[in-house]
Amino acid sequence: DRLVEPLELQTFLKIAIQACKGLAFAHQNRIYHGNLRPSNMLLESNMQVKLSDFGLDEHYRVKQEERNWYGVANEASDELSDIYALGAVFYHALTSMPPSFKDGRLVKSQHFIKLPADIQRLIERMLSKDRDARPQSVEAVSSELLPYVVEDKTVVKEVEEVKPPEQLVRTVVEYKRVNWLTILLAVLFILSLLLNGLLLSKEGEQIKRLITQFFRSMGLY
């Protein structure tokens, strides 16, 4: 179902590297698949890969007229034949069509030629009819895919600084009643000081006479 359209590169890499690890484990134990194809590469809901049908006869033997896209005719089942089949599955996953050849050369689709050049060359080598030209182990295939894996990064969001609520500043203007009596007393006090100063001066006697005459004229003395 996932081969209806080309897989996005990072999705493909996650699946491909898991498939490589599964095959590598089998090969280390001298177990070869012999019939690797998309139908026996199962995906769980969390995108975990499960390889199935190890050692079973290929389905195309029922219909001899149908072509086996994922193997080379009359080739023995071994590590290199599994690598060829894996390359065919990779091509199918990335282009949504099985590989085809013309004059012994891989026919490159438009989706294929848009891939990174190193991945194109890797798949071409995996699909080589010359067994010596293929990668000699599944681990070697995986090592060439790993540099293209982009790890999911933790996105750190900047936390906006929470500003304290603005405090309202109230301007309070106080109006106080002026105490005129206090002012009057202060003025009289100053005048008395000035008057005492004048009376003590040389002109003090003359000022006293003038004051005495003023009070007499007013009938107050």
N, C-alpha and C. Protein backbone atom coordinates (compact mmCIF):
# COMPACT_ATOMS: atom_id res chain seq x y z
N ASP A 1 0.83 -1.22 0.00
CA ASP A 1 0.00 0.00 0.00
C ASP A 1 0.86 1.26 0.00
N ARG A 2 1.99 1.22 0.67
CA ARG A 2 2.85 2.40 0.77
C ARG A 2 3.63 2.66 -0.53
N LEU A 3 3.61 1.71 -1.45
CA LEU A 3 4.35 1.89 -2.70
C LEU A 3 3.51 2.55 -3.79
N VAL A 4 2.30 2.98 -3.44
CA VAL A 4 1.45 3.65 -4.43
C VAL A 4 2.10 4.95 -4.88
N GLU A 5 2.82 5.60 -3.98
CA GLU A 5 3.55 6.82 -4.32
C GLU A 5 4.92 6.77 -3.67
N PRO A 6 5.88 7.51 -4.20
CA PRO A 6 7.24 7.46 -3.66
C PRO A 6 7.28 7.87 -2.19
N LEU A 7 8.08 7.17 -1.42
CA LEU A 7 8.24 7.53 -0.02
C LEU A 7 9.12 8.77 0.11
N GLU A 8 8.79 9.60 1.08
CA GLU A 8 9.66 10.73 1.42
C GLU A 8 10.98 10.15 1.91
N LEU A 9 12.09 10.84 1.63
CA LEU A 9 13.42 10.28 1.84
C LEU A 9 13.65 9.86 3.30
N GLN A 10 13.28 10.71 4.26
CA GLN A 10 13.53 10.36 5.66
C GLN A 10 12.69 9.18 6.11
N THR A 11 11.46 9.09 5.62
CA THR A 11 10.61 7.92 5.93
C THR A 11 11.23 6.66 5.36
N PHE A 12 11.70 6.77 4.10
CA PHE A 12 12.37 5.63 3.47
C PHE A 12 13.59 5.19 4.27
N LEU A 13 14.41 6.13 4.71
CA LEU A 13 15.64 5.79 5.42
C LEU A 13 15.35 5.04 6.72
N LYS A 14 14.31 5.47 7.44
CA LYS A 14 13.96 4.78 8.68
C LYS A 14 13.60 3.32 8.41
N ILE A 15 12.85 3.09 7.33
CA ILE A 15 12.45 1.72 6.97
C ILE A 15 13.65 0.94 6.44
N ALA A 16 14.42 1.57 5.57
CA ALA A 16 15.54 0.88 4.92
C ALA A 16 16.59 0.43 5.93
N ILE A 17 16.94 1.29 6.86
CA ILE A 17 17.99 0.94 7.83
C ILE A 17 17.52 -0.18 8.76
N GLN A 18 16.24 -0.18 9.12
CA GLN A 18 15.71 -1.29 9.92
C GLN A 18 15.77 -2.60 9.14
N ALA A 19 15.42 -2.54 7.85
CA ALA A 19 15.48 -3.75 7.02
C ALA A 19 16.92 -4.24 6.92
N CYS A 20 17.86 -3.33 6.79
CA CYS A 20 19.28 -3.71 6.75
C CYS A 20 19.70 -4.42 8.04
N LYS A 21 19.26 -3.88 9.18
CA LYS A 21 19.63 -4.49 10.47
C LYS A 21 19.05 -5.90 10.59
N GLY A 22 17.81 -6.06 10.13
CA GLY A 22 17.19 -7.39 10.19
C GLY A 22 17.91 -8.40 9.31
N LEU A 23 18.24 -7.99 8.08
CA LEU A 23 18.96 -8.90 7.17
C LEU A 23 20.37 -9.18 7.68
N ALA A 24 21.02 -8.16 8.23
CA ALA A 24 22.38 -8.35 8.73
C ALA A 24 22.40 -9.39 9.85
N PHE A 25 21.40 -9.33 10.72
CA PHE A 25 21.33 -10.31 11.81
C PHE A 25 21.16 -11.72 11.25
N ALA A 26 20.28 -11.85 10.23
CA ALA A 26 20.07 -13.17 9.62
C ALA A 26 21.34 -13.66 8.94
N HIS A 27 22.01 -12.79 8.21
CA HIS A 27 23.23 -13.19 7.50
C HIS A 27 24.34 -13.59 8.46
N GLN A 28 24.41 -12.89 9.60
CA GLN A 28 25.43 -13.27 10.59
C GLN A 28 25.21 -14.69 11.12
N ASN A 29 23.96 -15.14 11.04
CA ASN A 29 23.62 -16.50 11.46
C ASN A 29 23.47 -17.45 10.27
N ARG A 30 24.02 -17.04 9.13
CA ARG A 30 24.03 -17.85 7.90
C ARG A 30 22.63 -18.23 7.45
N ILE A 31 21.72 -17.28 7.60
CA ILE A 31 20.35 -17.45 7.12
C ILE A 31 20.13 -16.41 6.01
N TYR A 32 19.73 -16.87 4.84
CA TYR A 32 19.50 -15.98 3.71
C TYR A 32 18.01 -15.99 3.38
N HIS A 33 17.51 -14.85 2.98
CA HIS A 33 16.08 -14.76 2.74
C HIS A 33 15.68 -15.50 1.47
N GLY A 34 16.27 -15.10 0.36
CA GLY A 34 16.02 -15.79 -0.90
C GLY A 34 14.78 -15.36 -1.64
N ASN A 35 13.93 -14.55 -1.00
CA ASN A 35 12.69 -14.15 -1.67
C ASN A 35 12.22 -12.79 -1.15
N LEU A 36 13.17 -11.89 -0.96
CA LEU A 36 12.85 -10.59 -0.38
C LEU A 36 12.10 -9.73 -1.39
N ARG A 37 10.99 -9.16 -0.96
CA ARG A 37 10.15 -8.32 -1.80
C ARG A 37 9.24 -7.49 -0.88
N PRO A 38 8.58 -6.45 -1.39
CA PRO A 38 7.76 -5.59 -0.51
C PRO A 38 6.70 -6.34 0.26
N SER A 39 6.13 -7.40 -0.32
CA SER A 39 5.03 -8.10 0.34
C SER A 39 5.45 -8.82 1.61
N ASN A 40 6.76 -9.10 1.78
CA ASN A 40 7.17 -9.73 3.04
C ASN A 40 8.05 -8.81 3.90
N MET A 41 7.92 -7.50 3.65
CA MET A 41 8.47 -6.50 4.55
C MET A 41 7.28 -5.80 5.20
N LEU A 42 6.97 -6.20 6.41
CA LEU A 42 5.76 -5.73 7.08
C LEU A 42 6.08 -4.54 7.97
N LEU A 43 5.13 -3.62 8.04
CA LEU A 43 5.29 -2.42 8.88
C LEU A 43 4.23 -2.43 9.98
N GLU A 44 4.70 -2.24 11.22
CA GLU A 44 3.76 -2.08 12.32
C GLU A 44 3.26 -0.63 12.35
N SER A 45 2.29 -0.37 13.21
CA SER A 45 1.71 0.97 13.26
C SER A 45 2.73 2.03 13.66
N ASN A 46 3.77 1.63 14.41
CA ASN A 46 4.81 2.58 14.83
C ASN A 46 5.99 2.57 13.87
N MET A 47 5.78 2.07 12.65
CA MET A 47 6.78 2.05 11.58
C MET A 47 7.97 1.14 11.88
N GLN A 48 7.75 0.14 12.73
CA GLN A 48 8.78 -0.87 12.95
C GLN A 48 8.69 -1.92 11.85
N VAL A 49 9.84 -2.33 11.31
CA VAL A 49 9.89 -3.26 10.18
C VAL A 49 10.01 -4.69 10.67
N LYS A 50 9.21 -5.57 10.08
CA LYS A 50 9.31 -7.00 10.36
C LYS A 50 9.51 -7.73 9.03
N LEU A 51 10.60 -8.51 8.91
CA LEU A 51 10.86 -9.30 7.70
C LEU A 51 10.26 -10.68 7.87
N SER A 52 9.57 -11.15 6.84
CA SER A 52 8.90 -12.45 6.93
C SER A 52 9.22 -13.31 5.72
N ASP A 53 8.74 -14.55 5.76
CA ASP A 53 8.84 -15.51 4.64
C ASP A 53 10.28 -15.87 4.27
N PHE A 54 11.15 -15.98 5.26
CA PHE A 54 12.52 -16.41 4.98
C PHE A 54 12.52 -17.82 4.39
N GLY A 55 13.24 -17.99 3.29
CA GLY A 55 13.45 -19.31 2.71
C GLY A 55 12.29 -19.88 1.94
N LEU A 56 11.18 -19.14 1.81
CA LEU A 56 10.04 -19.67 1.07
C LEU A 56 10.25 -19.46 -0.43
N ASP A 57 9.65 -20.35 -1.23
CA ASP A 57 9.78 -20.23 -2.68
C ASP A 57 9.09 -18.95 -3.15
N GLU A 58 9.64 -18.36 -4.20
CA GLU A 58 9.07 -17.13 -4.73
C GLU A 58 7.69 -17.42 -5.31
N HIS A 59 6.81 -16.45 -5.16
CA HIS A 59 5.42 -16.62 -5.58
C HIS A 59 5.28 -16.71 -7.10
N TYR A 60 6.24 -16.17 -7.82
CA TYR A 60 6.10 -16.12 -9.27
C TYR A 60 6.25 -17.48 -9.93
N ARG A 61 6.65 -18.49 -9.17
CA ARG A 61 6.78 -19.82 -9.79
C ARG A 61 5.41 -20.38 -10.19
N VAL A 62 4.33 -19.84 -9.56
CA VAL A 62 2.98 -20.29 -9.93
C VAL A 62 2.65 -19.83 -11.34
N LYS A 63 3.08 -18.59 -11.68
CA LYS A 63 2.82 -18.05 -13.00
C LYS A 63 4.16 -17.77 -13.68
N GLN A 64 4.59 -18.66 -14.50
CA GLN A 64 5.91 -18.56 -15.11
C GLN A 64 6.03 -17.35 -16.03
N GLU A 65 4.88 -16.87 -16.55
CA GLU A 65 4.98 -15.74 -17.49
C GLU A 65 5.22 -14.42 -16.77
N GLU A 66 5.00 -14.37 -15.47
CA GLU A 66 5.20 -13.14 -14.72
C GLU A 66 6.67 -12.97 -14.39
N ARG A 67 7.09 -11.73 -14.33
CA ARG A 67 8.50 -11.42 -14.13
C ARG A 67 8.78 -11.18 -12.66
N ASN A 68 9.92 -11.68 -12.20
CA ASN A 68 10.36 -11.42 -10.84
C ASN A 68 11.22 -10.16 -10.87
N TRP A 69 10.67 -9.07 -10.31
CA TRP A 69 11.37 -7.79 -10.32
C TRP A 69 12.49 -7.74 -9.28
N TYR A 70 12.48 -8.65 -8.34
CA TYR A 70 13.32 -8.51 -7.15
C TYR A 70 14.45 -9.55 -7.08
N GLY A 71 14.78 -10.15 -8.20
CA GLY A 71 15.86 -11.12 -8.20
C GLY A 71 16.43 -11.31 -9.60
N VAL A 72 17.60 -11.93 -9.64
CA VAL A 72 18.25 -12.24 -10.91
C VAL A 72 17.99 -13.72 -11.22
N ALA A 73 17.57 -14.00 -12.44
CA ALA A 73 17.23 -15.38 -12.82
C ALA A 73 18.42 -16.31 -12.60
N ASN A 74 18.13 -17.45 -12.00
CA ASN A 74 19.09 -18.54 -11.80
C ASN A 74 20.25 -18.16 -10.86
N GLU A 75 20.06 -17.14 -10.06
CA GLU A 75 21.10 -16.77 -9.11
C GLU A 75 20.87 -17.49 -7.79
N ALA A 76 21.93 -18.01 -7.19
CA ALA A 76 21.82 -18.74 -5.93
C ALA A 76 21.38 -17.80 -4.82
N SER A 77 20.67 -18.33 -3.83
CA SER A 77 20.24 -17.55 -2.68
C SER A 77 21.39 -17.40 -1.70
N ASP A 78 21.87 -16.21 -1.56
CA ASP A 78 22.94 -15.94 -0.61
C ASP A 78 22.88 -14.47 -0.22
N GLU A 79 23.91 -13.99 0.43
CA GLU A 79 23.91 -12.61 0.91
C GLU A 79 23.82 -11.62 -0.24
N LEU A 80 24.54 -11.87 -1.32
CA LEU A 80 24.54 -10.95 -2.45
C LEU A 80 23.21 -10.93 -3.19
N SER A 81 22.53 -12.06 -3.25
CA SER A 81 21.21 -12.06 -3.89
C SER A 81 20.20 -11.30 -3.03
N ASP A 82 20.33 -11.40 -1.71
CA ASP A 82 19.47 -10.60 -0.83
C ASP A 82 19.74 -9.11 -1.00
N ILE A 83 21.01 -8.75 -1.23
CA ILE A 83 21.36 -7.34 -1.42
C ILE A 83 20.75 -6.82 -2.71
N TYR A 84 20.74 -7.65 -3.77
CA TYR A 84 20.09 -7.25 -5.02
C TYR A 84 18.59 -7.02 -4.77
N ALA A 85 17.95 -7.96 -4.09
CA ALA A 85 16.51 -7.84 -3.82
C ALA A 85 16.22 -6.60 -2.98
N LEU A 86 17.09 -6.34 -2.01
CA LEU A 86 16.92 -5.16 -1.17
C LEU A 86 17.04 -3.88 -2.00
N GLY A 87 17.98 -3.86 -2.95
CA GLY A 87 18.12 -2.71 -3.83
C GLY A 87 16.88 -2.50 -4.69
N ALA A 88 16.27 -3.60 -5.15
CA ALA A 88 15.05 -3.50 -5.95
C ALA A 88 13.90 -2.94 -5.11
N VAL A 89 13.82 -3.38 -3.85
CA VAL A 89 12.78 -2.86 -2.96
C VAL A 89 13.03 -1.36 -2.70
N PHE A 90 14.28 -1.00 -2.51
CA PHE A 90 14.61 0.41 -2.28
C PHE A 90 14.18 1.26 -3.48
N TYR A 91 14.51 0.79 -4.68
CA TYR A 91 14.14 1.53 -5.89
C TYR A 91 12.62 1.69 -5.97
N HIS A 92 11.90 0.60 -5.71
CA HIS A 92 10.44 0.63 -5.76
C HIS A 92 9.88 1.61 -4.73
N ALA A 93 10.44 1.61 -3.52
CA ALA A 93 9.95 2.49 -2.46
C ALA A 93 10.16 3.96 -2.79
N LEU A 94 11.27 4.27 -3.45
CA LEU A 94 11.62 5.67 -3.72
C LEU A 94 11.01 6.21 -5.02
N THR A 95 10.52 5.31 -5.88
CA THR A 95 9.99 5.76 -7.18
C THR A 95 8.56 5.30 -7.42
N SER A 96 8.05 4.44 -6.57
CA SER A 96 6.70 3.85 -6.69
C SER A 96 6.56 2.91 -7.89
N MET A 97 7.69 2.43 -8.42
CA MET A 97 7.65 1.44 -9.51
C MET A 97 8.85 0.50 -9.37
N PRO A 98 8.69 -0.76 -9.73
CA PRO A 98 9.82 -1.68 -9.65
C PRO A 98 10.90 -1.32 -10.67
N PRO A 99 12.13 -1.75 -10.44
CA PRO A 99 13.20 -1.41 -11.38
C PRO A 99 13.04 -2.12 -12.72
N SER A 100 13.48 -1.45 -13.77
CA SER A 100 13.50 -2.07 -15.09
C SER A 100 14.84 -1.74 -15.75
N PHE A 101 15.22 -2.60 -16.71
CA PHE A 101 16.54 -2.48 -17.32
C PHE A 101 16.41 -2.44 -18.84
N LYS A 102 17.34 -1.73 -19.45
CA LYS A 102 17.42 -1.69 -20.90
C LYS A 102 18.88 -1.85 -21.28
N ASP A 103 19.14 -2.88 -22.06
CA ASP A 103 20.51 -3.21 -22.46
C ASP A 103 21.40 -3.40 -21.23
N GLY A 104 20.83 -4.00 -20.22
CA GLY A 104 21.59 -4.30 -19.01
C GLY A 104 21.81 -3.11 -18.08
N ARG A 105 21.25 -1.95 -18.41
CA ARG A 105 21.42 -0.76 -17.59
C ARG A 105 20.08 -0.37 -16.96
N LEU A 106 20.16 0.12 -15.73
CA LEU A 106 18.96 0.52 -15.00
C LEU A 106 18.32 1.72 -15.68
N VAL A 107 17.02 1.63 -15.91
CA VAL A 107 16.26 2.76 -16.45
C VAL A 107 15.88 3.65 -15.28
N LYS A 108 16.37 4.87 -15.29
CA LYS A 108 16.17 5.79 -14.16
C LYS A 108 14.92 6.64 -14.39
N SER A 109 14.03 6.58 -13.43
CA SER A 109 12.81 7.39 -13.53
C SER A 109 13.11 8.82 -13.06
N GLN A 110 12.13 9.70 -13.27
CA GLN A 110 12.29 11.10 -12.86
C GLN A 110 12.46 11.21 -11.34
N HIS A 111 11.72 10.39 -10.60
CA HIS A 111 11.84 10.42 -9.13
C HIS A 111 13.24 9.96 -8.71
N PHE A 112 13.78 8.99 -9.43
CA PHE A 112 15.08 8.43 -9.05
C PHE A 112 16.20 9.46 -9.24
N ILE A 113 16.17 10.18 -10.35
CA ILE A 113 17.27 11.11 -10.63
C ILE A 113 17.23 12.36 -9.75
N LYS A 114 16.13 12.54 -9.00
CA LYS A 114 16.05 13.66 -8.06
C LYS A 114 16.65 13.30 -6.69
N LEU A 115 16.99 12.03 -6.50
CA LEU A 115 17.57 11.61 -5.22
C LEU A 115 19.01 12.09 -5.11
N PRO A 116 19.55 12.14 -3.87
CA PRO A 116 20.98 12.46 -3.73
C PRO A 116 21.83 11.51 -4.57
N ALA A 117 22.88 12.04 -5.16
CA ALA A 117 23.71 11.27 -6.10
C ALA A 117 24.29 10.02 -5.45
N ASP A 118 24.71 10.10 -4.20
CA ASP A 118 25.30 8.94 -3.53
C ASP A 118 24.28 7.82 -3.35
N ILE A 119 23.03 8.17 -3.05
CA ILE A 119 21.99 7.15 -2.89
C ILE A 119 21.67 6.52 -4.25
N GLN A 120 21.67 7.33 -5.32
CA GLN A 120 21.47 6.76 -6.66
C GLN A 120 22.56 5.73 -6.97
N ARG A 121 23.82 6.11 -6.72
CA ARG A 121 24.92 5.19 -7.03
C ARG A 121 24.86 3.92 -6.18
N LEU A 122 24.46 4.07 -4.91
CA LEU A 122 24.35 2.90 -4.04
C LEU A 122 23.33 1.91 -4.59
N ILE A 123 22.15 2.40 -4.95
CA ILE A 123 21.10 1.51 -5.46
C ILE A 123 21.51 0.90 -6.80
N GLU A 124 22.17 1.68 -7.65
CA GLU A 124 22.66 1.13 -8.93
C GLU A 124 23.64 -0.01 -8.68
N ARG A 125 24.53 0.15 -7.70
CA ARG A 125 25.48 -0.92 -7.39
C ARG A 125 24.76 -2.14 -6.82
N MET A 126 23.75 -1.90 -5.98
CA MET A 126 22.99 -3.03 -5.41
C MET A 126 22.28 -3.81 -6.51
N LEU A 127 21.87 -3.11 -7.59
CA LEU A 127 21.13 -3.74 -8.68
C LEU A 127 22.03 -4.19 -9.83
N SER A 128 23.33 -4.16 -9.59
CA SER A 128 24.24 -4.58 -10.65
C SER A 128 24.14 -6.10 -10.88
N LYS A 129 24.13 -6.49 -12.14
CA LYS A 129 24.15 -7.92 -12.45
C LYS A 129 25.51 -8.54 -12.15
N ASP A 130 26.52 -7.69 -12.07
CA ASP A 130 27.85 -8.14 -11.68
C ASP A 130 27.89 -8.23 -10.15
N ARG A 131 27.96 -9.42 -9.63
CA ARG A 131 27.91 -9.62 -8.18
C ARG A 131 29.08 -8.93 -7.46
N ASP A 132 30.22 -8.88 -8.11
CA ASP A 132 31.38 -8.25 -7.48
C ASP A 132 31.22 -6.73 -7.36
N ALA A 133 30.35 -6.14 -8.17
CA ALA A 133 30.15 -4.69 -8.13
C ALA A 133 29.17 -4.28 -7.03
N ARG A 134 28.43 -5.25 -6.51
CA ARG A 134 27.47 -4.92 -5.45
C ARG A 134 28.20 -4.69 -4.11
N PRO A 135 27.58 -3.93 -3.17
CA PRO A 135 28.11 -3.89 -1.81
C PRO A 135 28.20 -5.31 -1.28
N GLN A 136 29.26 -5.64 -0.59
CA GLN A 136 29.51 -7.03 -0.21
C GLN A 136 28.87 -7.42 1.11
N SER A 137 28.18 -6.50 1.76
CA SER A 137 27.45 -6.83 2.99
C SER A 137 26.32 -5.83 3.19
N VAL A 138 25.32 -6.27 3.96
CA VAL A 138 24.20 -5.37 4.26
C VAL A 138 24.67 -4.24 5.17
N GLU A 139 25.65 -4.54 6.03
CA GLU A 139 26.19 -3.49 6.90
C GLU A 139 26.80 -2.36 6.06
N ALA A 140 27.44 -2.70 4.94
CA ALA A 140 28.01 -1.68 4.06
C ALA A 140 26.91 -0.81 3.45
N VAL A 141 25.78 -1.42 3.10
CA VAL A 141 24.64 -0.66 2.58
C VAL A 141 24.15 0.33 3.64
N SER A 142 23.96 -0.18 4.85
CA SER A 142 23.46 0.66 5.94
C SER A 142 24.39 1.83 6.22
N SER A 143 25.70 1.57 6.19
CA SER A 143 26.67 2.63 6.49
C SER A 143 26.62 3.76 5.47
N GLU A 144 26.20 3.47 4.24
CA GLU A 144 26.09 4.52 3.23
C GLU A 144 24.78 5.29 3.32
N LEU A 145 23.79 4.70 3.99
CA LEU A 145 22.51 5.39 4.16
C LEU A 145 22.51 6.28 5.40
N LEU A 146 23.23 5.88 6.42
CA LEU A 146 23.18 6.59 7.70
C LEU A 146 23.50 8.08 7.62
N PRO A 147 24.48 8.50 6.80
CA PRO A 147 24.77 9.95 6.76
C PRO A 147 23.61 10.82 6.32
N TYR A 148 22.60 10.23 5.69
CA TYR A 148 21.46 11.01 5.21
C TYR A 148 20.31 11.07 6.20
N VAL A 149 20.45 10.37 7.32
CA VAL A 149 19.38 10.37 8.32
C VAL A 149 19.45 11.68 9.09
N VAL A 150 18.33 12.34 9.16
CA VAL A 150 18.22 13.59 9.93
C VAL A 150 17.48 13.25 11.21
N GLU A 151 18.17 13.41 12.34
CA GLU A 151 17.56 13.10 13.62
C GLU A 151 16.53 14.16 13.97
N ASP A 152 15.44 13.70 14.60
CA ASP A 152 14.44 14.65 15.09
C ASP A 152 15.04 15.46 16.23
N LYS A 153 14.96 16.74 16.11
CA LYS A 153 15.53 17.61 17.13
C LYS A 153 14.44 18.14 18.04
N THR A 154 14.85 18.30 19.27
CA THR A 154 13.93 18.87 20.23
C THR A 154 13.83 20.38 19.99
N VAL A 155 12.64 20.80 19.75
CA VAL A 155 12.43 22.22 19.49
C VAL A 155 12.23 22.93 20.82
N VAL A 156 13.11 23.89 21.10
CA VAL A 156 13.03 24.66 22.33
C VAL A 156 12.36 25.99 22.01
N LYS A 157 11.22 26.19 22.59
CA LYS A 157 10.50 27.43 22.35
C LYS A 157 10.92 28.47 23.40
N GLU A 158 11.11 29.68 22.90
CA GLU A 158 11.47 30.74 23.82
C GLU A 158 10.26 31.13 24.65
N VAL A 159 10.47 31.17 25.94
CA VAL A 159 9.39 31.53 26.84
C VAL A 159 9.37 33.04 26.97
N GLU A 160 8.23 33.61 26.64
CA GLU A 160 8.13 35.05 26.72
C GLU A 160 8.20 35.50 28.18
N GLU A 161 8.96 36.54 28.38
CA GLU A 161 9.11 37.07 29.73
C GLU A 161 7.77 37.65 30.19
N VAL A 162 7.36 37.18 31.33
CA VAL A 162 6.09 37.65 31.89
C VAL A 162 6.35 38.94 32.65
N LYS A 163 5.78 39.99 32.15
CA LYS A 163 5.99 41.27 32.80
C LYS A 163 4.94 41.46 33.90
N PRO A 164 5.37 42.02 35.03
CA PRO A 164 4.39 42.27 36.09
C PRO A 164 3.39 43.31 35.63
N PRO A 165 2.18 43.23 36.13
CA PRO A 165 1.17 44.21 35.71
C PRO A 165 1.61 45.62 36.08
N GLU A 166 1.34 46.51 35.16
CA GLU A 166 1.74 47.88 35.38
C GLU A 166 0.98 48.46 36.57
N GLN A 167 1.71 49.10 37.42
CA GLN A 167 1.10 49.71 38.58
C GLN A 167 0.64 51.12 38.22
N LEU A 168 -0.58 51.40 38.57
CA LEU A 168 -1.12 52.71 38.31
C LEU A 168 -0.60 53.70 39.35
N VAL A 169 -0.08 54.77 38.86
CA VAL A 169 0.45 55.79 39.75
C VAL A 169 -0.60 56.89 39.89
N ARG A 170 -1.06 57.09 41.12
CA ARG A 170 -2.06 58.12 41.38
C ARG A 170 -1.37 59.36 41.94
N THR A 171 -1.63 60.43 41.28
CA THR A 171 -1.09 61.70 41.77
C THR A 171 -2.14 62.36 42.66
N VAL A 172 -1.81 62.46 43.87
CA VAL A 172 -2.75 63.05 44.83
C VAL A 172 -2.31 64.47 45.13
N VAL A 173 -3.14 65.40 44.80
CA VAL A 173 -2.86 66.81 45.07
C VAL A 173 -3.67 67.22 46.28
N GLU A 174 -3.00 67.58 47.31
CA GLU A 174 -3.67 67.99 48.54
C GLU A 174 -3.74 69.52 48.59
N TYR A 175 -4.90 69.98 48.81
CA TYR A 175 -5.11 71.41 48.95
C TYR A 175 -5.32 71.71 50.44
N LYS A 176 -4.43 72.50 50.96
CA LYS A 176 -4.52 72.85 52.37
C LYS A 176 -5.00 74.30 52.52
N ARG A 177 -5.87 74.52 53.51
CA ARG A 177 -6.36 75.88 53.77
C ARG A 177 -5.23 76.70 54.38
N VAL A 178 -5.05 77.90 53.83
CA VAL A 178 -4.01 78.81 54.33
C VAL A 178 -4.47 79.43 55.64
N ASN A 179 -3.62 79.35 56.65
CA ASN A 179 -3.93 79.93 57.97
C ASN A 179 -3.45 81.38 57.98
N TRP A 180 -4.37 82.30 57.67
CA TRP A 180 -4.00 83.71 57.57
C TRP A 180 -3.58 84.31 58.91
N LEU A 181 -4.12 83.79 59.98
CA LEU A 181 -3.76 84.31 61.30
C LEU A 181 -2.29 84.07 61.59
N THR A 182 -1.84 82.91 61.20
CA THR A 182 -0.42 82.60 61.41
C THR A 182 0.45 83.54 60.61
N ILE A 183 0.05 83.82 59.36
CA ILE A 183 0.82 84.73 58.52
C ILE A 183 0.85 86.14 59.14
N LEU A 184 -0.32 86.58 59.65
CA LEU A 184 -0.38 87.91 60.23
C LEU A 184 0.51 88.04 61.44
N LEU A 185 0.51 87.02 62.29
CA LEU A 185 1.37 87.03 63.47
C LEU A 185 2.84 87.06 63.08
N ALA A 186 3.15 86.32 62.03
CA ALA A 186 4.54 86.29 61.58
C ALA A 186 4.97 87.67 61.07
N VAL A 187 4.07 88.34 60.36
CA VAL A 187 4.39 89.66 59.84
C VAL A 187 4.57 90.66 60.99
N LEU A 188 3.68 90.58 62.01
CA LEU A 188 3.78 91.48 63.16
C LEU A 188 5.06 91.24 63.94
N PHE A 189 5.44 89.93 63.98
CA PHE A 189 6.67 89.60 64.70
C PHE A 189 7.88 90.22 64.00
N ILE A 190 7.87 90.12 62.67
CA ILE A 190 8.98 90.70 61.91
C ILE A 190 9.01 92.22 62.06
N LEU A 191 7.83 92.85 62.04
CA LEU A 191 7.77 94.31 62.17
C LEU A 191 8.23 94.77 63.54
N SER A 192 7.89 93.93 64.55
CA SER A 192 8.32 94.30 65.90
C SER A 192 9.84 94.23 66.02
N LEU A 193 10.42 93.22 65.37
CA LEU A 193 11.88 93.12 65.40
C LEU A 193 12.52 94.33 64.71
N LEU A 194 11.93 94.70 63.57
CA LEU A 194 12.45 95.86 62.86
C LEU A 194 12.31 97.14 63.69
N LEU A 195 11.16 97.26 64.35
CA LEU A 195 10.90 98.46 65.15
C LEU A 195 11.86 98.55 66.33
N ASN A 196 12.06 97.40 66.99
CA ASN A 196 13.01 97.38 68.12
C ASN A 196 14.41 97.75 67.65
N GLY A 197 14.73 97.27 66.44
CA GLY A 197 16.05 97.60 65.90
C GLY A 197 16.20 99.09 65.66
N LEU A 198 15.14 99.69 65.15
CA LEU A 198 15.18 101.12 64.89
C LEU A 198 15.23 101.93 66.18
N LEU A 199 14.50 101.51 67.20
CA LEU A 199 14.47 102.23 68.48
C LEU A 199 15.81 102.19 69.17
N LEU A 200 16.53 101.13 68.94
CA LEU A 200 17.84 101.02 69.57
C LEU A 200 18.93 101.74 68.81
N SER A 201 18.61 102.19 67.63
CA SER A 201 19.62 102.88 66.82
C SER A 201 19.71 104.35 67.26
N LYS A 202 20.57 105.13 66.59
CA LYS A 202 20.78 106.53 66.92
C LYS A 202 19.52 107.35 66.70
N GLU A 203 18.74 106.98 65.71
CA GLU A 203 17.52 107.74 65.42
C GLU A 203 16.38 107.28 66.30
N GLY A 204 16.65 106.41 67.30
CA GLY A 204 15.60 105.84 68.13
C GLY A 204 14.79 106.87 68.90
N GLU A 205 15.46 107.93 69.48
CA GLU A 205 14.77 108.94 70.26
C GLU A 205 13.78 109.70 69.41
N GLN A 206 14.21 110.02 68.21
CA GLN A 206 13.32 110.77 67.31
C GLN A 206 12.10 109.94 66.95
N ILE A 207 12.33 108.64 66.73
CA ILE A 207 11.21 107.75 66.37
C ILE A 207 10.25 107.63 67.55
N LYS A 208 10.79 107.58 68.78
CA LYS A 208 9.93 107.48 69.95
C LYS A 208 9.04 108.71 70.07
N ARG A 209 9.61 109.91 69.81
CA ARG A 209 8.83 111.12 69.91
C ARG A 209 7.71 111.13 68.87
N LEU A 210 8.05 110.65 67.66
CA LEU A 210 7.03 110.60 66.62
C LEU A 210 5.89 109.64 67.00
N ILE A 211 6.24 108.53 67.61
CA ILE A 211 5.22 107.55 68.00
C ILE A 211 4.34 108.13 69.10
N THR A 212 5.01 108.81 70.07
CA THR A 212 4.26 109.40 71.19
C THR A 212 3.28 110.44 70.68
N GLN A 213 3.75 111.29 69.74
CA GLN A 213 2.87 112.31 69.18
C GLN A 213 1.69 111.66 68.44
N PHE A 214 1.97 110.54 67.75
CA PHE A 214 0.88 109.85 67.01
C PHE A 214 -0.20 109.35 67.96
N PHE A 215 0.22 108.72 69.06
CA PHE A 215 -0.75 108.18 70.01
C PHE A 215 -1.53 109.31 70.71
N ARG A 216 -0.82 110.47 70.98
CA ARG A 216 -1.49 111.58 71.64
C ARG A 216 -2.56 112.17 70.73
N SER A 217 -2.18 112.27 69.44
CA SER A 217 -3.16 112.82 68.49
C SER A 217 -4.38 111.95 68.38
N MET A 218 -4.18 110.65 68.64
CA MET A 218 -5.30 109.71 68.57
C MET A 218 -6.05 109.61 69.87
N GLY A 219 -5.53 110.33 70.89
CA GLY A 219 -6.18 110.32 72.18
C GLY A 219 -5.93 109.03 72.95
N LEU A 220 -4.86 108.32 72.56
CA LEU A 220 -4.56 107.03 73.20
C LEU A 220 -3.43 107.11 74.19
N TYR A 221 -2.86 108.28 74.38
CA TYR A 221 -1.72 108.39 75.29
C TYR A 221 -1.95 109.53 76.25
